[in-house]
């Protein structure tokens, strides 16, 4: 099961992904995340609006970051299906 982190603004997509078999955790928008916190996820899904505010642009991580801006929930799932599951 892939572990996915999403922004709170994308909770409706989180519900869709949970029903599709993903383990989903919401990210707090008032925190900055470091590499070790992000590395526990297979992917992080962002709305695109707060990418800089949350500090993701400056964070180096091997976790896949998906910008969901303008994407349908099915398109997001397709992108997540391409992401390898981390050990």
C-alpha atoms as a PDB file:
ATOM      1  CA  UNK A   1       0.000   0.000   0.000  1.00  0.00           C
ATOM      2  CA  UNK A   2       1.461   3.362  -1.003  1.00  0.00           C
ATOM      3  CA  UNK A   3       1.750   6.030   1.677  1.00  0.00           C
ATOM      4  CA  UNK A   4       0.595   9.397   0.373  1.00  0.00           C
ATOM      5  CA  UNK A   5       0.618  12.805   2.046  1.00  0.00           C
ATOM      6  CA  UNK A   6      -1.837  15.456   0.872  1.00  0.00           C
ATOM      7  CA  UNK A   7      -2.628  19.028   1.779  1.00  0.00           C
ATOM      8  CA  UNK A   8      -5.734  19.560   3.881  1.00  0.00           C
ATOM      9  CA  UNK A   9      -7.288  21.513   0.983  1.00  0.00           C
ATOM     10  CA  UNK A  10      -7.277  18.271  -1.006  1.00  0.00           C
ATOM     11  CA  UNK A  11      -9.224  16.211   1.546  1.00  0.00           C
ATOM     12  CA  UNK A  12     -11.842  15.244  -1.054  1.00  0.00           C
ATOM     13  CA  UNK A  13      -9.052  13.745  -3.164  1.00  0.00           C
ATOM     14  CA  UNK A  14      -7.690  12.069  -0.034  1.00  0.00           C
ATOM     15  CA  UNK A  15     -11.021  10.300   0.464  1.00  0.00           C
ATOM     16  CA  UNK A  16     -10.954   9.156  -3.167  1.00  0.00           C
ATOM     17  CA  UNK A  17      -7.401   7.826  -2.752  1.00  0.00           C
ATOM     18  CA  UNK A  18      -8.251   6.026   0.508  1.00  0.00           C
ATOM     19  CA  UNK A  19     -11.104   4.268  -1.293  1.00  0.00           C
ATOM     20  CA  UNK A  20      -8.607   3.337  -4.034  1.00  0.00           C
ATOM     21  CA  UNK A  21      -6.387   1.579  -1.486  1.00  0.00           C
ATOM     22  CA  UNK A  22      -3.820   4.255  -0.602  1.00  0.00           C
ATOM     23  CA  UNK A  23      -2.734   5.120   2.931  1.00  0.00           C
ATOM     24  CA  UNK A  24      -3.362   8.881   3.120  1.00  0.00           C
ATOM     25  CA  UNK A  25      -2.198  11.426   5.688  1.00  0.00           C
ATOM     26  CA  UNK A  26      -3.013  15.135   5.644  1.00  0.00           C
ATOM     27  CA  UNK A  27      -0.185  17.640   5.898  1.00  0.00           C
ATOM     28  CA  UNK A  28      -0.492  20.645   8.147  1.00  0.00           C
ATOM     29  CA  UNK A  29      -0.229  23.812   6.090  1.00  0.00           C
ATOM     30  CA  UNK A  30       1.344  25.793   8.940  1.00  0.00           C
ATOM     31  CA  UNK A  31       4.445  23.588   9.173  1.00  0.00           C
ATOM     32  CA  UNK A  32       7.650  23.366   7.207  1.00  0.00           C
ATOM     33  CA  UNK A  33       8.700  19.805   6.457  1.00  0.00           C
ATOM     34  CA  UNK A  34      12.216  18.452   6.432  1.00  0.00           C
ATOM     35  CA  UNK A  35      13.592  15.621   4.340  1.00  0.00           C
ATOM     36  CA  UNK A  36      13.241  12.921   6.996  1.00  0.00           C
ATOM     37  CA  UNK A  37       9.544  13.715   7.474  1.00  0.00           C
ATOM     38  CA  UNK A  38       8.854  13.608   3.735  1.00  0.00           C
ATOM     39  CA  UNK A  39      10.902  10.472   3.139  1.00  0.00           C
ATOM     40  CA  UNK A  40       8.353   8.318   4.993  1.00  0.00           C
ATOM     41  CA  UNK A  41       5.872   8.885   2.145  1.00  0.00           C
ATOM     42  CA  UNK A  42       5.873   7.437  -1.354  1.00  0.00           C
ATOM     43  CA  UNK A  43       4.479  10.716  -2.689  1.00  0.00           C
ATOM     44  CA  UNK A  44       3.234  14.122  -1.579  1.00  0.00           C
ATOM     45  CA  UNK A  45       0.278  15.728  -3.369  1.00  0.00           C
ATOM     46  CA  UNK A  46       0.098  19.525  -3.261  1.00  0.00           C
ATOM     47  CA  UNK A  47      -2.605  21.891  -4.457  1.00  0.00           C
ATOM     48  CA  UNK A  48       0.040  24.035  -6.127  1.00  0.00           C
ATOM     49  CA  UNK A  49      -1.000  27.131  -4.201  1.00  0.00           C
ATOM     50  CA  UNK A  50       1.202  26.658  -1.153  1.00  0.00           C
ATOM     51  CA  UNK A  51       4.236  24.903  -2.596  1.00  0.00           C
ATOM     52  CA  UNK A  52       6.596  27.730  -1.617  1.00  0.00           C
ATOM     53  CA  UNK A  53       4.818  28.558   1.645  1.00  0.00           C
ATOM     54  CA  UNK A  54       5.214  25.017   2.959  1.00  0.00           C
ATOM     55  CA  UNK A  55       8.889  24.986   2.039  1.00  0.00           C
ATOM     56  CA  UNK A  56       8.704  22.161  -0.499  1.00  0.00           C
ATOM     57  CA  UNK A  57      10.537  24.086  -3.187  1.00  0.00           C
ATOM     58  CA  UNK A  58      13.610  24.354  -0.962  1.00  0.00           C
ATOM     59  CA  UNK A  59      13.420  20.808   0.416  1.00  0.00           C
ATOM     60  CA  UNK A  60      15.539  18.128  -1.205  1.00  0.00           C
ATOM     61  CA  UNK A  61      13.861  14.742  -1.000  1.00  0.00           C
ATOM     62  CA  UNK A  62      13.605  11.608  -3.082  1.00  0.00           C
ATOM     63  CA  UNK A  63       9.857  11.517  -2.382  1.00  0.00           C
ATOM     64  CA  UNK A  64       7.764  12.268  -5.455  1.00  0.00           C
ATOM     65  CA  UNK A  65       6.005  15.634  -5.284  1.00  0.00           C
ATOM     66  CA  UNK A  66       2.833  15.903  -7.380  1.00  0.00           C
ATOM     67  CA  UNK A  67       1.358  19.313  -8.126  1.00  0.00           C
ATOM     68  CA  UNK A  68      -2.384  18.633  -8.406  1.00  0.00           C
ATOM     69  CA  UNK A  69      -3.253  22.063  -9.769  1.00  0.00           C
ATOM     70  CA  UNK A  70      -5.659  21.638 -12.694  1.00  0.00           C
ATOM     71  CA  UNK A  71      -5.750  17.829 -12.391  1.00  0.00           C
ATOM     72  CA  UNK A  72      -8.772  15.615 -11.826  1.00  0.00           C
ATOM     73  CA  UNK A  73      -8.668  13.065  -9.028  1.00  0.00           C
ATOM     74  CA  UNK A  74      -8.347  10.320 -11.655  1.00  0.00           C
ATOM     75  CA  UNK A  75      -5.322  12.072 -13.185  1.00  0.00           C
ATOM     76  CA  UNK A  76      -3.736  12.365  -9.728  1.00  0.00           C
ATOM     77  CA  UNK A  77      -4.297   8.659  -9.156  1.00  0.00           C
ATOM     78  CA  UNK A  78      -2.704   7.879 -12.535  1.00  0.00           C
ATOM     79  CA  UNK A  79       0.364   9.868 -11.504  1.00  0.00           C
ATOM     80  CA  UNK A  80       0.483   8.110  -8.136  1.00  0.00           C
ATOM     81  CA  UNK A  81       0.244   4.719  -9.850  1.00  0.00           C
ATOM     82  CA  UNK A  82       3.541   5.563 -11.621  1.00  0.00           C
ATOM     83  CA  UNK A  83       5.343   6.279  -8.345  1.00  0.00           C
ATOM     84  CA  UNK A  84       7.335   3.336  -6.964  1.00  0.00           C
ATOM     85  CA  UNK A  85       6.568   2.168  -3.435  1.00  0.00           C
ATOM     86  CA  UNK A  86       9.423   2.955  -1.063  1.00  0.00           C
ATOM     87  CA  UNK A  87      11.039   0.097   0.849  1.00  0.00           C
END
